[in-house]
Amino acid sequence: MIFQLFRGDVFVLNTILVAVDDSLTAKFVIKALGQLQLQPTTNVIFCHVIPTVESDFDLVADRPRPSADEFPYGNLEKQLRVYQDQLDCETEIEIVAGDPAAEIIRLANIYKTDLIIIGNRGLTGVKRILEGSVSSQVVSEANCSVLVVKEI
């Protein structure tokens, strides 16, 4: 499959999922996206996952985005739109609720992405054990390449 992504000497990315949260790491994720040579036909999906603590039995297979009344993250959606406006290619926004790693992987599978770009908050010790590493789980379970961006 990877050979289908090459045209000449160029690695062609048709669809990229960019996972951002409201941390400072998002700035570095967007900077990494800006370093890629995107084609006008590339589709970039900016996604944000609102973490939930629901059990797997309570989750619906394909969740629509929360309505404006249920969605207190209006500033986040505005920021995602700013990111969209910075690109000269096709873009979409996905704001979903659930387990962050599972939702990122689910969206990547739905969109059949060539690349996921995600940040790494650099959690260590007990905090990493308690909260887990979303980026590590995405790297191990994704069906495509994953670019993990660290704060520099």
N, C-alpha and C. Protein backbone atom coordinates (compact mmCIF):
# COMPACT_ATOMS: atom_id res chain seq x y z
N MET A 1 0.82 -1.19 0.00
CA MET A 1 0.00 0.00 0.00
C MET A 1 0.86 1.26 0.00
N ILE A 2 1.96 1.26 0.68
CA ILE A 2 2.76 2.47 0.79
C ILE A 2 3.29 2.93 -0.56
N PHE A 3 3.52 2.01 -1.48
CA PHE A 3 4.04 2.38 -2.78
C PHE A 3 3.04 3.17 -3.59
N GLN A 4 1.77 3.02 -3.30
CA GLN A 4 0.74 3.79 -3.99
C GLN A 4 0.80 5.27 -3.63
N LEU A 5 1.44 5.60 -2.53
CA LEU A 5 1.50 6.99 -2.09
C LEU A 5 2.63 7.76 -2.77
N PHE A 6 3.52 7.08 -3.47
CA PHE A 6 4.64 7.75 -4.11
C PHE A 6 4.30 8.11 -5.55
N ARG A 7 4.60 9.34 -5.92
CA ARG A 7 4.51 9.77 -7.31
C ARG A 7 5.87 10.36 -7.65
N GLY A 8 6.61 9.64 -8.45
CA GLY A 8 7.97 10.08 -8.73
C GLY A 8 8.79 9.95 -7.47
N ASP A 9 9.44 11.04 -7.09
CA ASP A 9 10.26 11.06 -5.87
C ASP A 9 9.54 11.70 -4.70
N VAL A 10 8.24 11.91 -4.83
CA VAL A 10 7.48 12.64 -3.82
C VAL A 10 6.52 11.71 -3.10
N PHE A 11 6.49 11.81 -1.79
CA PHE A 11 5.55 11.07 -0.96
C PHE A 11 4.25 11.87 -0.95
N VAL A 12 3.19 11.35 -1.53
CA VAL A 12 1.93 12.08 -1.66
C VAL A 12 1.00 11.71 -0.50
N LEU A 13 0.55 12.74 0.19
CA LEU A 13 -0.38 12.55 1.29
C LEU A 13 -1.75 13.05 0.83
N ASN A 14 -2.67 12.11 0.66
CA ASN A 14 -4.01 12.48 0.21
C ASN A 14 -4.88 12.98 1.36
N THR A 15 -4.75 12.33 2.52
CA THR A 15 -5.58 12.68 3.66
C THR A 15 -4.74 12.65 4.93
N ILE A 16 -4.81 13.74 5.69
CA ILE A 16 -4.05 13.87 6.94
C ILE A 16 -5.03 14.19 8.06
N LEU A 17 -4.93 13.45 9.15
CA LEU A 17 -5.72 13.74 10.34
C LEU A 17 -4.80 14.45 11.33
N VAL A 18 -5.18 15.65 11.74
CA VAL A 18 -4.38 16.44 12.68
C VAL A 18 -5.14 16.51 13.99
N ALA A 19 -4.63 15.82 15.00
CA ALA A 19 -5.28 15.77 16.31
C ALA A 19 -4.72 16.87 17.19
N VAL A 20 -5.59 17.78 17.61
CA VAL A 20 -5.15 18.88 18.47
C VAL A 20 -6.02 18.95 19.71
N ASP A 21 -5.40 19.40 20.77
CA ASP A 21 -6.15 19.65 22.00
C ASP A 21 -5.96 21.11 22.36
N ASP A 22 -6.30 21.47 23.57
CA ASP A 22 -6.19 22.87 23.97
C ASP A 22 -4.90 23.15 24.75
N SER A 23 -3.89 22.29 24.57
CA SER A 23 -2.61 22.49 25.25
C SER A 23 -1.66 23.27 24.35
N LEU A 24 -0.52 23.63 24.91
CA LEU A 24 0.50 24.34 24.13
C LEU A 24 1.09 23.47 23.03
N THR A 25 0.98 22.16 23.17
CA THR A 25 1.52 21.25 22.17
C THR A 25 0.84 21.44 20.81
N ALA A 26 -0.41 21.89 20.82
CA ALA A 26 -1.15 22.09 19.56
C ALA A 26 -0.40 23.04 18.64
N LYS A 27 0.24 24.03 19.20
CA LYS A 27 1.00 24.99 18.39
C LYS A 27 2.12 24.29 17.62
N PHE A 28 2.77 23.33 18.24
CA PHE A 28 3.85 22.58 17.60
C PHE A 28 3.31 21.60 16.56
N VAL A 29 2.14 21.05 16.82
CA VAL A 29 1.50 20.14 15.86
C VAL A 29 1.16 20.92 14.58
N ILE A 30 0.60 22.10 14.74
CA ILE A 30 0.24 22.92 13.57
C ILE A 30 1.49 23.38 12.84
N LYS A 31 2.55 23.68 13.57
CA LYS A 31 3.82 24.06 12.94
C LYS A 31 4.37 22.89 12.11
N ALA A 32 4.27 21.67 12.62
CA ALA A 32 4.74 20.50 11.88
C ALA A 32 3.91 20.31 10.61
N LEU A 33 2.60 20.52 10.71
CA LEU A 33 1.74 20.43 9.52
C LEU A 33 2.18 21.44 8.48
N GLY A 34 2.53 22.63 8.91
CA GLY A 34 2.97 23.69 8.00
C GLY A 34 4.26 23.37 7.28
N GLN A 35 5.05 22.44 7.81
CA GLN A 35 6.31 22.05 7.19
C GLN A 35 6.11 21.07 6.03
N LEU A 36 4.93 20.48 5.94
CA LEU A 36 4.65 19.53 4.87
C LEU A 36 4.28 20.27 3.59
N GLN A 37 4.65 19.70 2.47
CA GLN A 37 4.26 20.26 1.18
C GLN A 37 2.92 19.64 0.78
N LEU A 38 1.86 20.36 1.09
CA LEU A 38 0.52 19.85 0.83
C LEU A 38 0.08 20.21 -0.58
N GLN A 39 -0.59 19.28 -1.21
CA GLN A 39 -1.16 19.51 -2.54
C GLN A 39 -2.54 20.16 -2.37
N PRO A 40 -3.02 20.88 -3.37
CA PRO A 40 -4.37 21.46 -3.28
C PRO A 40 -5.45 20.41 -3.07
N THR A 41 -5.18 19.18 -3.49
CA THR A 41 -6.16 18.10 -3.35
C THR A 41 -6.04 17.36 -2.02
N THR A 42 -5.03 17.68 -1.23
CA THR A 42 -4.89 17.03 0.08
C THR A 42 -6.05 17.45 0.96
N ASN A 43 -6.60 16.49 1.69
CA ASN A 43 -7.67 16.77 2.63
C ASN A 43 -7.10 16.69 4.05
N VAL A 44 -7.17 17.79 4.78
CA VAL A 44 -6.68 17.84 6.16
C VAL A 44 -7.89 17.90 7.09
N ILE A 45 -7.95 16.95 7.98
CA ILE A 45 -9.03 16.91 8.96
C ILE A 45 -8.45 17.30 10.31
N PHE A 46 -8.91 18.42 10.84
CA PHE A 46 -8.52 18.85 12.17
C PHE A 46 -9.51 18.22 13.14
N CYS A 47 -8.99 17.48 14.11
CA CYS A 47 -9.91 16.85 15.06
C CYS A 47 -9.53 17.19 16.49
N HIS A 48 -10.56 17.25 17.30
CA HIS A 48 -10.39 17.41 18.74
C HIS A 48 -11.33 16.43 19.40
N VAL A 49 -10.82 15.72 20.40
CA VAL A 49 -11.63 14.74 21.12
C VAL A 49 -11.89 15.27 22.52
N ILE A 50 -13.16 15.34 22.87
CA ILE A 50 -13.55 15.72 24.23
C ILE A 50 -13.57 14.43 25.04
N PRO A 51 -12.65 14.29 25.99
CA PRO A 51 -12.57 13.03 26.76
C PRO A 51 -13.84 12.78 27.57
N THR A 52 -14.25 11.52 27.58
CA THR A 52 -15.40 11.12 28.40
C THR A 52 -15.00 9.92 29.24
N VAL A 53 -15.83 9.62 30.21
CA VAL A 53 -15.58 8.46 31.07
C VAL A 53 -16.69 7.44 30.92
N GLU A 54 -17.40 7.49 29.80
CA GLU A 54 -18.49 6.55 29.55
C GLU A 54 -17.92 5.14 29.34
N SER A 55 -18.75 4.17 29.64
CA SER A 55 -18.35 2.80 29.35
C SER A 55 -18.54 2.54 27.86
N ASP A 56 -17.89 1.51 27.36
CA ASP A 56 -18.01 1.15 25.95
C ASP A 56 -19.45 0.84 25.57
N PHE A 57 -20.27 0.38 26.50
CA PHE A 57 -21.65 0.04 26.19
C PHE A 57 -22.50 1.27 25.95
N ASP A 58 -22.09 2.41 26.49
CA ASP A 58 -22.86 3.64 26.34
C ASP A 58 -22.51 4.39 25.06
N LEU A 59 -21.43 4.03 24.40
CA LEU A 59 -20.99 4.77 23.23
C LEU A 59 -21.74 4.32 21.99
N VAL A 60 -22.08 5.29 21.17
CA VAL A 60 -22.76 5.01 19.91
C VAL A 60 -21.69 4.84 18.85
N ALA A 61 -21.93 3.98 17.86
CA ALA A 61 -20.92 3.66 16.86
C ALA A 61 -20.40 4.88 16.13
N ASP A 62 -21.24 5.78 15.72
CA ASP A 62 -20.80 6.96 14.99
C ASP A 62 -21.49 8.17 15.59
N ARG A 63 -20.75 8.90 16.41
CA ARG A 63 -21.33 9.99 17.15
C ARG A 63 -21.29 11.29 16.36
N PRO A 64 -22.42 11.99 16.28
CA PRO A 64 -22.38 13.31 15.66
C PRO A 64 -21.76 14.32 16.62
N ARG A 65 -21.36 15.42 16.09
CA ARG A 65 -20.79 16.48 16.91
C ARG A 65 -21.86 17.02 17.85
N PRO A 66 -21.49 17.37 19.09
CA PRO A 66 -22.47 17.90 20.03
C PRO A 66 -23.09 19.19 19.50
N SER A 67 -24.36 19.45 19.88
CA SER A 67 -25.01 20.69 19.46
C SER A 67 -24.36 21.87 20.18
N ALA A 68 -24.64 23.07 19.70
CA ALA A 68 -24.04 24.28 20.28
C ALA A 68 -24.38 24.41 21.76
N ASP A 69 -25.61 23.98 22.14
CA ASP A 69 -26.00 24.08 23.55
C ASP A 69 -25.19 23.16 24.44
N GLU A 70 -24.81 21.99 23.92
CA GLU A 70 -24.05 21.01 24.70
C GLU A 70 -22.56 21.24 24.61
N PHE A 71 -22.13 22.12 23.74
CA PHE A 71 -20.72 22.25 23.41
C PHE A 71 -20.12 23.52 24.01
N PRO A 72 -19.46 23.42 25.16
CA PRO A 72 -18.90 24.60 25.79
C PRO A 72 -17.54 25.00 25.23
N TYR A 73 -17.08 24.34 24.17
CA TYR A 73 -15.75 24.58 23.63
C TYR A 73 -15.78 25.44 22.38
N GLY A 74 -16.62 26.47 22.37
CA GLY A 74 -16.76 27.33 21.20
C GLY A 74 -15.45 27.96 20.77
N ASN A 75 -14.61 28.32 21.73
CA ASN A 75 -13.31 28.92 21.38
C ASN A 75 -12.41 27.92 20.67
N LEU A 76 -12.52 26.67 21.04
CA LEU A 76 -11.72 25.64 20.38
C LEU A 76 -12.12 25.50 18.92
N GLU A 77 -13.43 25.50 18.66
CA GLU A 77 -13.89 25.40 17.27
C GLU A 77 -13.41 26.62 16.47
N LYS A 78 -13.44 27.79 17.08
CA LYS A 78 -12.94 28.99 16.40
C LYS A 78 -11.46 28.84 16.07
N GLN A 79 -10.68 28.27 17.00
CA GLN A 79 -9.25 28.07 16.76
C GLN A 79 -9.03 27.07 15.63
N LEU A 80 -9.83 26.02 15.59
CA LEU A 80 -9.71 25.05 14.51
C LEU A 80 -10.02 25.70 13.16
N ARG A 81 -10.97 26.61 13.15
CA ARG A 81 -11.30 27.34 11.91
C ARG A 81 -10.14 28.25 11.48
N VAL A 82 -9.44 28.82 12.45
CA VAL A 82 -8.25 29.62 12.13
C VAL A 82 -7.21 28.73 11.46
N TYR A 83 -6.99 27.54 12.00
CA TYR A 83 -6.05 26.60 11.39
C TYR A 83 -6.49 26.26 9.96
N GLN A 84 -7.78 26.06 9.77
CA GLN A 84 -8.31 25.76 8.43
C GLN A 84 -7.98 26.88 7.45
N ASP A 85 -8.19 28.10 7.89
CA ASP A 85 -7.99 29.26 7.01
C ASP A 85 -6.53 29.45 6.60
N GLN A 86 -5.60 28.84 7.32
CA GLN A 86 -4.18 28.98 7.00
C GLN A 86 -3.73 28.06 5.87
N LEU A 87 -4.60 27.15 5.45
CA LEU A 87 -4.20 26.15 4.45
C LEU A 87 -4.87 26.42 3.10
N ASP A 88 -4.16 26.08 2.04
CA ASP A 88 -4.69 26.21 0.68
C ASP A 88 -5.06 24.84 0.13
N CYS A 89 -5.73 24.05 0.94
CA CYS A 89 -6.17 22.73 0.50
C CYS A 89 -7.52 22.46 1.16
N GLU A 90 -8.08 21.30 0.86
CA GLU A 90 -9.36 20.93 1.44
C GLU A 90 -9.18 20.66 2.94
N THR A 91 -10.12 21.13 3.75
CA THR A 91 -10.04 20.91 5.20
C THR A 91 -11.42 20.60 5.76
N GLU A 92 -11.39 19.90 6.88
CA GLU A 92 -12.62 19.60 7.62
C GLU A 92 -12.32 19.68 9.10
N ILE A 93 -13.37 19.81 9.89
CA ILE A 93 -13.24 19.81 11.35
C ILE A 93 -14.10 18.68 11.91
N GLU A 94 -13.53 17.92 12.81
CA GLU A 94 -14.25 16.87 13.53
C GLU A 94 -14.04 17.10 15.02
N ILE A 95 -15.13 17.34 15.74
CA ILE A 95 -15.07 17.45 17.20
C ILE A 95 -15.97 16.34 17.73
N VAL A 96 -15.37 15.40 18.43
CA VAL A 96 -16.10 14.23 18.91
C VAL A 96 -15.81 14.02 20.39
N ALA A 97 -16.63 13.20 21.02
CA ALA A 97 -16.44 12.86 22.43
C ALA A 97 -16.14 11.38 22.55
N GLY A 98 -15.29 11.05 23.51
CA GLY A 98 -14.95 9.66 23.76
C GLY A 98 -13.53 9.53 24.25
N ASP A 99 -13.00 8.32 24.16
CA ASP A 99 -11.61 8.07 24.52
C ASP A 99 -10.73 8.67 23.43
N PRO A 100 -9.81 9.58 23.76
CA PRO A 100 -9.04 10.27 22.73
C PRO A 100 -8.33 9.35 21.74
N ALA A 101 -7.59 8.37 22.21
CA ALA A 101 -6.86 7.50 21.28
C ALA A 101 -7.82 6.72 20.39
N ALA A 102 -8.85 6.16 20.98
CA ALA A 102 -9.82 5.37 20.21
C ALA A 102 -10.51 6.22 19.16
N GLU A 103 -10.87 7.44 19.52
CA GLU A 103 -11.56 8.32 18.58
C GLU A 103 -10.65 8.78 17.45
N ILE A 104 -9.40 9.06 17.75
CA ILE A 104 -8.45 9.45 16.71
C ILE A 104 -8.27 8.30 15.73
N ILE A 105 -8.12 7.11 16.23
CA ILE A 105 -7.97 5.93 15.37
C ILE A 105 -9.24 5.69 14.57
N ARG A 106 -10.39 5.85 15.21
CA ARG A 106 -11.67 5.67 14.51
C ARG A 106 -11.81 6.65 13.35
N LEU A 107 -11.50 7.93 13.61
CA LEU A 107 -11.59 8.93 12.55
C LEU A 107 -10.59 8.65 11.43
N ALA A 108 -9.38 8.23 11.80
CA ALA A 108 -8.37 7.90 10.79
C ALA A 108 -8.85 6.76 9.91
N ASN A 109 -9.53 5.79 10.49
CA ASN A 109 -10.06 4.67 9.70
C ASN A 109 -11.22 5.11 8.81
N ILE A 110 -12.09 5.96 9.33
CA ILE A 110 -13.22 6.45 8.54
C ILE A 110 -12.73 7.22 7.32
N TYR A 111 -11.76 8.11 7.53
CA TYR A 111 -11.25 8.94 6.45
C TYR A 111 -10.15 8.27 5.63
N LYS A 112 -9.73 7.07 6.06
CA LYS A 112 -8.65 6.35 5.36
C LYS A 112 -7.42 7.25 5.19
N THR A 113 -6.97 7.77 6.32
CA THR A 113 -5.87 8.73 6.30
C THR A 113 -4.53 8.06 5.97
N ASP A 114 -3.67 8.87 5.36
CA ASP A 114 -2.30 8.45 5.05
C ASP A 114 -1.37 8.78 6.21
N LEU A 115 -1.76 9.77 7.02
CA LEU A 115 -0.91 10.25 8.11
C LEU A 115 -1.76 10.83 9.22
N ILE A 116 -1.36 10.55 10.45
CA ILE A 116 -1.94 11.21 11.63
C ILE A 116 -0.82 12.06 12.23
N ILE A 117 -1.12 13.31 12.53
CA ILE A 117 -0.17 14.16 13.25
C ILE A 117 -0.77 14.41 14.63
N ILE A 118 0.01 14.10 15.65
CA ILE A 118 -0.46 14.19 17.03
C ILE A 118 0.66 14.72 17.91
N GLY A 119 0.30 15.38 18.98
CA GLY A 119 1.29 15.88 19.92
C GLY A 119 1.58 14.90 21.03
N ASN A 120 2.68 15.13 21.71
CA ASN A 120 3.07 14.33 22.86
C ASN A 120 3.30 15.30 24.00
N ARG A 121 2.53 15.17 25.06
CA ARG A 121 2.63 16.09 26.19
C ARG A 121 3.81 15.80 27.10
N GLY A 122 4.48 14.69 26.87
CA GLY A 122 5.66 14.37 27.66
C GLY A 122 5.36 13.96 29.09
N LEU A 123 4.23 13.29 29.30
CA LEU A 123 3.90 12.83 30.65
C LEU A 123 4.90 11.76 31.08
N THR A 124 5.25 11.80 32.34
CA THR A 124 6.17 10.81 32.89
C THR A 124 5.64 10.33 34.23
N GLY A 125 6.22 9.24 34.69
CA GLY A 125 5.94 8.73 36.02
C GLY A 125 4.49 8.38 36.25
N VAL A 126 4.00 8.74 37.43
CA VAL A 126 2.65 8.38 37.86
C VAL A 126 1.60 9.01 36.94
N LYS A 127 1.84 10.24 36.52
CA LYS A 127 0.88 10.91 35.65
C LYS A 127 0.68 10.14 34.35
N ARG A 128 1.76 9.61 33.78
CA ARG A 128 1.65 8.82 32.54
C ARG A 128 0.89 7.52 32.80
N ILE A 129 1.13 6.91 33.96
CA ILE A 129 0.45 5.67 34.31
C ILE A 129 -1.05 5.92 34.48
N LEU A 130 -1.40 7.01 35.18
CA LEU A 130 -2.80 7.31 35.45
C LEU A 130 -3.55 7.79 34.20
N GLU A 131 -2.94 8.69 33.45
CA GLU A 131 -3.61 9.28 32.29
C GLU A 131 -3.36 8.50 31.01
N GLY A 132 -2.29 7.72 30.96
CA GLY A 132 -1.96 6.99 29.74
C GLY A 132 -1.37 7.92 28.70
N SER A 133 -0.81 7.35 27.68
CA SER A 133 -0.24 8.13 26.60
C SER A 133 -1.08 7.93 25.35
N VAL A 134 -1.80 8.97 24.98
CA VAL A 134 -2.65 8.90 23.79
C VAL A 134 -1.79 8.67 22.56
N SER A 135 -0.68 9.40 22.46
CA SER A 135 0.16 9.27 21.26
C SER A 135 0.75 7.86 21.15
N SER A 136 1.16 7.26 22.25
CA SER A 136 1.70 5.90 22.20
C SER A 136 0.65 4.90 21.74
N GLN A 137 -0.56 5.05 22.23
CA GLN A 137 -1.63 4.15 21.83
C GLN A 137 -1.97 4.33 20.35
N VAL A 138 -1.99 5.58 19.88
CA VAL A 138 -2.29 5.83 18.46
C VAL A 138 -1.19 5.23 17.59
N VAL A 139 0.07 5.42 17.97
CA VAL A 139 1.18 4.85 17.18
C VAL A 139 1.04 3.34 17.08
N SER A 140 0.70 2.69 18.19
CA SER A 140 0.66 1.22 18.18
C SER A 140 -0.58 0.65 17.48
N GLU A 141 -1.67 1.41 17.40
CA GLU A 141 -2.91 0.87 16.87
C GLU A 141 -3.34 1.43 15.51
N ALA A 142 -2.72 2.49 15.05
CA ALA A 142 -3.14 3.13 13.80
C ALA A 142 -2.78 2.28 12.59
N ASN A 143 -3.59 2.37 11.56
CA ASN A 143 -3.36 1.66 10.31
C ASN A 143 -2.59 2.50 9.30
N CYS A 144 -2.04 3.62 9.74
CA CYS A 144 -1.29 4.49 8.85
C CYS A 144 -0.08 5.03 9.61
N SER A 145 0.72 5.82 8.93
CA SER A 145 1.87 6.44 9.59
C SER A 145 1.40 7.49 10.59
N VAL A 146 2.20 7.68 11.65
CA VAL A 146 1.87 8.65 12.68
C VAL A 146 3.10 9.51 12.93
N LEU A 147 2.91 10.82 12.89
CA LEU A 147 3.96 11.77 13.22
C LEU A 147 3.65 12.31 14.61
N VAL A 148 4.52 12.00 15.57
CA VAL A 148 4.34 12.47 16.94
C VAL A 148 5.25 13.68 17.14
N VAL A 149 4.63 14.79 17.52
CA VAL A 149 5.35 16.05 17.65
C VAL A 149 5.51 16.37 19.14
N LYS A 150 6.75 16.66 19.51
CA LYS A 150 7.04 17.04 20.90
C LYS A 150 7.27 18.55 20.97
N GLU A 151 6.97 19.11 22.13
CA GLU A 151 7.29 20.53 22.35
C GLU A 151 8.80 20.70 22.32
N ILE A 152 9.23 21.74 21.65
CA ILE A 152 10.68 22.00 21.57
C ILE A 152 11.00 23.29 22.28
